[in-house]
Amino acid sequence: MSYLIYLAIIILVPIYAQLKVRGAYKKFSKVYSSSGMTGAQVARKILNDNGLYHVSVEEVGGFLSDHYDPRTKTVRLSSANYHGHSLAATAVAAHEVGHAIQDQQNYAFLRFRHALVPVASIGSNFAWVLIMIGIFAQASGMLLLGIIFMASAVLFQVVTLPVEFNASSRAMDQVIASGIIRNDEERETKKVLNAAALTYVAAAAVAVLELVRLILIYTGMTREE
């Protein structure tokens, strides 16, 4: 029963988070911003206001595929947000510019997350292979190695949380200070940003739970040896 409850949690929590963000985005993508600015215009204005003239704004395909690329100094917005005049487009664009501002100011957690990328990538690719071999072969050493690899990927998920929350906080500060949104639009804008943040919280929570479960399996295995 406890395993079924655990399984339900790791499956349902991410699904709930995705439904939440999609629901909030869909709702507020129909609410037009009083500024009448597109997401691309919002991003460009905030970048210019912060002296980030060298950071470009580009359109990218996909649904909610928006991101900031620190390598090319580019804010990429999905088509709906690039051209959209909604509060959702405004919130998403401002959030991605928040990452560009973090990059400019050498925000510590962003730098740490970037440093973890190669380690986390290796960890996520090889961890489960080692873990499955360790479990089925009852090889505790192999399982431990897999757990160590997985821990690097989990650490990346955890470090992502302050990065995303800080970017959202910067986004709100910028759209308010620049007059892009009115006072009565702040609540709706925050709802979009909070819903998006929930997906990162859910991913981190599930990753930590899975790591703890594997550590418990490893502990039980070593006791039997």
Protein backbone atom coordinates (compact mmCIF):
# COMPACT_ATOMS: atom_id res chain seq x y z
CA MET A 1 0.00 0.00 0.00
CA SER A 2 2.79 2.44 0.90
CA TYR A 3 4.47 1.77 -2.46
CA LEU A 4 1.20 2.46 -4.29
CA ILE A 5 0.82 5.74 -2.42
CA TYR A 6 4.40 6.67 -3.32
CA LEU A 7 3.80 5.73 -6.96
CA ALA A 8 0.65 7.83 -7.03
CA ILE A 9 2.53 10.82 -5.62
CA ILE A 10 5.38 10.76 -8.15
CA ILE A 11 2.89 10.36 -11.02
CA LEU A 12 0.10 12.70 -9.92
CA VAL A 13 2.17 15.61 -8.55
CA PRO A 14 3.88 16.42 -11.90
CA ILE A 15 0.58 15.96 -13.75
CA TYR A 16 -1.16 18.34 -11.34
CA ALA A 17 1.63 20.91 -11.78
CA GLN A 18 1.41 20.71 -15.56
CA LEU A 19 -2.37 21.07 -15.52
CA LYS A 20 -2.02 24.05 -13.19
CA VAL A 21 0.42 25.91 -15.40
CA ARG A 22 -1.47 25.10 -18.59
CA GLY A 23 -4.74 26.20 -16.99
CA ALA A 24 -3.29 29.50 -15.76
CA TYR A 25 -1.58 30.15 -19.07
CA LYS A 26 -4.69 29.37 -21.09
CA LYS A 27 -6.85 31.59 -18.87
CA PHE A 28 -4.57 34.62 -18.87
CA SER A 29 -3.52 34.28 -22.51
CA LYS A 30 -7.07 35.50 -23.20
CA VAL A 31 -6.65 38.54 -20.93
CA TYR A 32 -5.08 41.38 -22.88
CA SER A 33 -2.48 43.59 -21.22
CA SER A 34 -3.43 47.24 -20.80
CA SER A 35 -0.07 48.22 -22.32
CA GLY A 36 -0.96 46.55 -25.62
CA MET A 37 2.64 45.35 -25.90
CA THR A 38 3.57 41.98 -27.34
CA GLY A 39 5.79 39.61 -25.38
CA ALA A 40 8.67 40.51 -27.71
CA GLN A 41 8.17 44.22 -27.03
CA VAL A 42 8.00 43.62 -23.28
CA ALA A 43 11.24 41.65 -23.37
CA ARG A 44 12.99 44.29 -25.51
CA LYS A 45 11.87 47.15 -23.25
CA ILE A 46 13.01 45.49 -20.02
CA LEU A 47 16.31 44.49 -21.60
CA ASN A 48 16.91 48.06 -22.80
CA ASP A 49 15.88 49.51 -19.43
CA ASN A 50 18.61 47.38 -17.85
CA GLY A 51 21.25 48.23 -20.44
CA LEU A 52 21.16 44.76 -22.01
CA TYR A 53 21.16 46.00 -25.58
CA HIS A 54 23.39 43.12 -26.64
CA VAL A 55 20.80 40.50 -25.63
CA SER A 56 18.58 39.60 -28.57
CA VAL A 57 14.95 38.48 -28.58
CA GLU A 58 13.97 35.68 -30.96
CA GLU A 59 10.90 33.65 -31.79
CA VAL A 60 11.07 29.89 -31.25
CA GLY A 61 8.62 27.12 -32.08
CA GLY A 62 6.77 24.95 -29.58
CA PHE A 63 4.35 25.46 -26.71
CA LEU A 64 5.79 27.25 -23.66
CA SER A 65 9.27 26.59 -25.03
CA ASP A 66 10.39 30.01 -23.82
CA HIS A 67 13.90 30.23 -22.36
CA TYR A 68 17.02 32.34 -22.02
CA ASP A 69 20.21 31.06 -23.64
CA PRO A 70 23.24 32.40 -21.71
CA ARG A 71 25.66 31.12 -24.35
CA THR A 72 24.29 33.28 -27.17
CA LYS A 73 22.74 35.94 -24.88
CA THR A 74 19.32 35.36 -26.39
CA VAL A 75 15.81 35.46 -24.97
CA ARG A 76 13.71 33.00 -26.97
CA LEU A 77 9.94 33.24 -26.82
CA SER A 78 7.41 30.77 -28.20
CA SER A 79 5.31 32.16 -31.06
CA ALA A 80 2.22 32.71 -28.91
CA ASN A 81 4.20 34.76 -26.39
CA TYR A 82 6.41 36.51 -28.94
CA HIS A 83 3.40 37.92 -30.80
CA GLY A 84 0.82 37.80 -27.99
CA HIS A 85 -0.55 40.89 -26.23
CA SER A 86 -1.82 39.00 -23.18
CA LEU A 87 -0.86 39.13 -19.52
CA ALA A 88 0.42 35.57 -19.90
CA ALA A 89 2.77 36.64 -22.71
CA THR A 90 3.91 39.62 -20.62
CA ALA A 91 4.62 37.44 -17.57
CA VAL A 92 6.53 34.78 -19.51
CA ALA A 93 8.60 37.32 -21.45
CA ALA A 94 9.49 39.23 -18.27
CA HIS A 95 10.45 36.00 -16.52
CA GLU A 96 12.90 35.02 -19.26
CA VAL A 97 14.42 38.49 -19.20
CA GLY A 98 14.77 37.97 -15.45
CA HIS A 99 17.27 35.23 -16.28
CA ALA A 100 19.17 37.60 -18.58
CA ILE A 101 19.42 40.10 -15.71
CA GLN A 102 20.64 37.31 -13.43
CA ASP A 103 23.30 36.51 -16.00
CA GLN A 104 24.38 40.14 -16.21
CA GLN A 105 24.63 40.43 -12.42
CA ASN A 106 26.40 37.07 -11.98
CA TYR A 107 23.64 35.70 -9.79
CA ALA A 108 25.31 32.98 -7.71
CA PHE A 109 22.67 30.27 -8.05
CA LEU A 110 22.51 30.76 -11.83
CA ARG A 111 26.27 30.34 -12.09
CA PHE A 112 26.12 27.27 -9.87
CA ARG A 113 23.35 25.76 -12.00
CA HIS A 114 25.35 26.36 -15.17
CA ALA A 115 28.36 24.66 -13.60
CA LEU A 116 26.19 21.64 -12.74
CA VAL A 117 24.84 21.17 -16.29
CA PRO A 118 27.53 18.74 -17.59
CA VAL A 119 27.57 16.75 -14.34
CA ALA A 120 23.76 16.59 -14.16
CA SER A 121 23.57 15.57 -17.82
CA ILE A 122 25.94 12.65 -17.26
CA GLY A 123 24.13 11.74 -14.07
CA SER A 124 20.68 11.67 -15.66
CA ASN A 125 21.95 9.60 -18.63
CA PHE A 126 23.81 6.91 -16.69
CA ALA A 127 22.23 6.84 -13.24
CA TRP A 128 19.31 4.54 -14.01
CA VAL A 129 21.46 2.07 -15.94
CA LEU A 130 23.71 1.65 -12.92
CA ILE A 131 20.77 1.61 -10.51
CA MET A 132 18.89 -1.11 -12.39
CA ILE A 133 22.02 -3.25 -12.68
CA GLY A 134 22.69 -2.75 -8.97
CA ILE A 135 19.13 -3.71 -7.95
CA PHE A 136 18.72 -6.76 -10.19
CA ALA A 137 22.27 -8.03 -9.64
CA GLN A 138 22.09 -7.21 -5.92
CA ALA A 139 25.33 -5.29 -6.36
CA SER A 140 25.31 -2.60 -3.68
CA GLY A 141 28.46 -0.92 -5.05
CA MET A 142 26.88 -0.48 -8.46
CA LEU A 143 23.66 0.83 -6.87
CA LEU A 144 25.63 3.32 -4.78
CA LEU A 145 27.42 4.60 -7.87
CA GLY A 146 24.06 5.05 -9.58
CA ILE A 147 22.73 6.93 -6.57
CA ILE A 148 25.74 9.26 -6.63
CA PHE A 149 25.15 9.99 -10.32
CA MET A 150 21.45 10.54 -9.66
CA ALA A 151 22.23 12.87 -6.74
CA SER A 152 23.99 15.26 -9.14
CA ALA A 153 20.85 15.45 -11.28
CA VAL A 154 18.69 15.97 -8.18
CA LEU A 155 21.00 18.74 -6.98
CA PHE A 156 20.50 20.45 -10.33
CA GLN A 157 16.71 20.28 -9.84
CA VAL A 158 16.97 21.74 -6.34
CA VAL A 159 19.31 24.56 -7.39
CA THR A 160 16.88 25.42 -10.18
CA LEU A 161 14.25 26.45 -7.62
CA PRO A 162 15.91 29.65 -6.31
CA VAL A 163 16.94 30.53 -9.89
CA GLU A 164 13.34 30.34 -11.13
CA PHE A 165 11.76 32.04 -8.12
CA ASN A 166 14.31 34.85 -8.30
CA ALA A 167 13.66 35.33 -12.03
CA SER A 168 9.93 35.62 -11.35
CA SER A 169 10.56 38.13 -8.57
CA ARG A 170 12.74 40.19 -10.89
CA ALA A 171 10.05 39.94 -13.58
CA MET A 172 7.38 41.39 -11.28
CA ASP A 173 9.68 44.21 -10.18
CA GLN A 174 10.46 45.09 -13.79
CA VAL A 175 6.92 45.09 -15.20
CA ILE A 176 5.71 47.19 -12.26
CA ALA A 177 8.61 49.66 -12.29
CA SER A 178 8.42 50.15 -16.05
CA GLY A 179 4.65 50.61 -16.01
CA ILE A 180 4.08 47.67 -18.36
CA ILE A 181 1.21 46.46 -16.15
CA ARG A 182 -1.26 48.39 -14.00
CA ASN A 183 -1.80 47.78 -10.29
CA ASP A 184 -4.97 45.80 -11.00
CA GLU A 185 -3.01 43.45 -13.29
CA GLU A 186 -0.38 42.48 -10.74
CA ARG A 187 -2.44 39.67 -9.20
CA GLU A 188 -3.09 37.98 -12.56
CA THR A 189 0.54 38.31 -13.60
CA LYS A 190 1.68 36.70 -10.35
CA LYS A 191 -0.72 33.79 -10.91
CA VAL A 192 0.96 32.98 -14.21
CA LEU A 193 4.43 33.16 -12.67
CA ASN A 194 3.43 31.12 -9.60
CA ALA A 195 1.83 28.40 -11.73
CA ALA A 196 5.00 28.10 -13.80
CA ALA A 197 7.12 27.88 -10.64
CA LEU A 198 4.96 25.01 -9.40
CA THR A 199 6.28 22.75 -12.18
CA TYR A 200 9.84 23.21 -10.91
CA VAL A 201 8.76 22.58 -7.32
CA ALA A 202 6.98 19.38 -8.37
CA ALA A 203 9.98 18.16 -10.38
CA ALA A 204 12.36 18.80 -7.50
CA ALA A 205 10.05 17.15 -4.95
CA VAL A 206 9.65 14.01 -7.06
CA ALA A 207 13.40 13.83 -7.71
CA VAL A 208 14.20 14.11 -3.99
CA LEU A 209 11.59 11.47 -3.09
CA GLU A 210 13.02 9.04 -5.65
CA LEU A 211 16.55 9.63 -4.37
CA VAL A 212 15.46 8.96 -0.79
CA ARG A 213 13.72 5.74 -1.89
CA LEU A 214 16.87 4.50 -3.61
CA ILE A 215 19.00 5.34 -0.57
CA LEU A 216 16.63 3.26 1.56
CA ILE A 217 16.92 0.37 -0.91
CA TYR A 218 20.72 0.65 -0.77
CA THR A 219 20.66 0.72 3.06
CA GLY A 220 18.52 -2.41 3.14
CA MET A 221 20.76 -4.17 0.65
CA THR A 222 23.95 -3.47 2.61
CA ARG A 223 22.35 -4.77 5.79
CA GLU A 224 21.65 -8.10 4.10
CA GLU A 225 25.23 -8.49 2.86
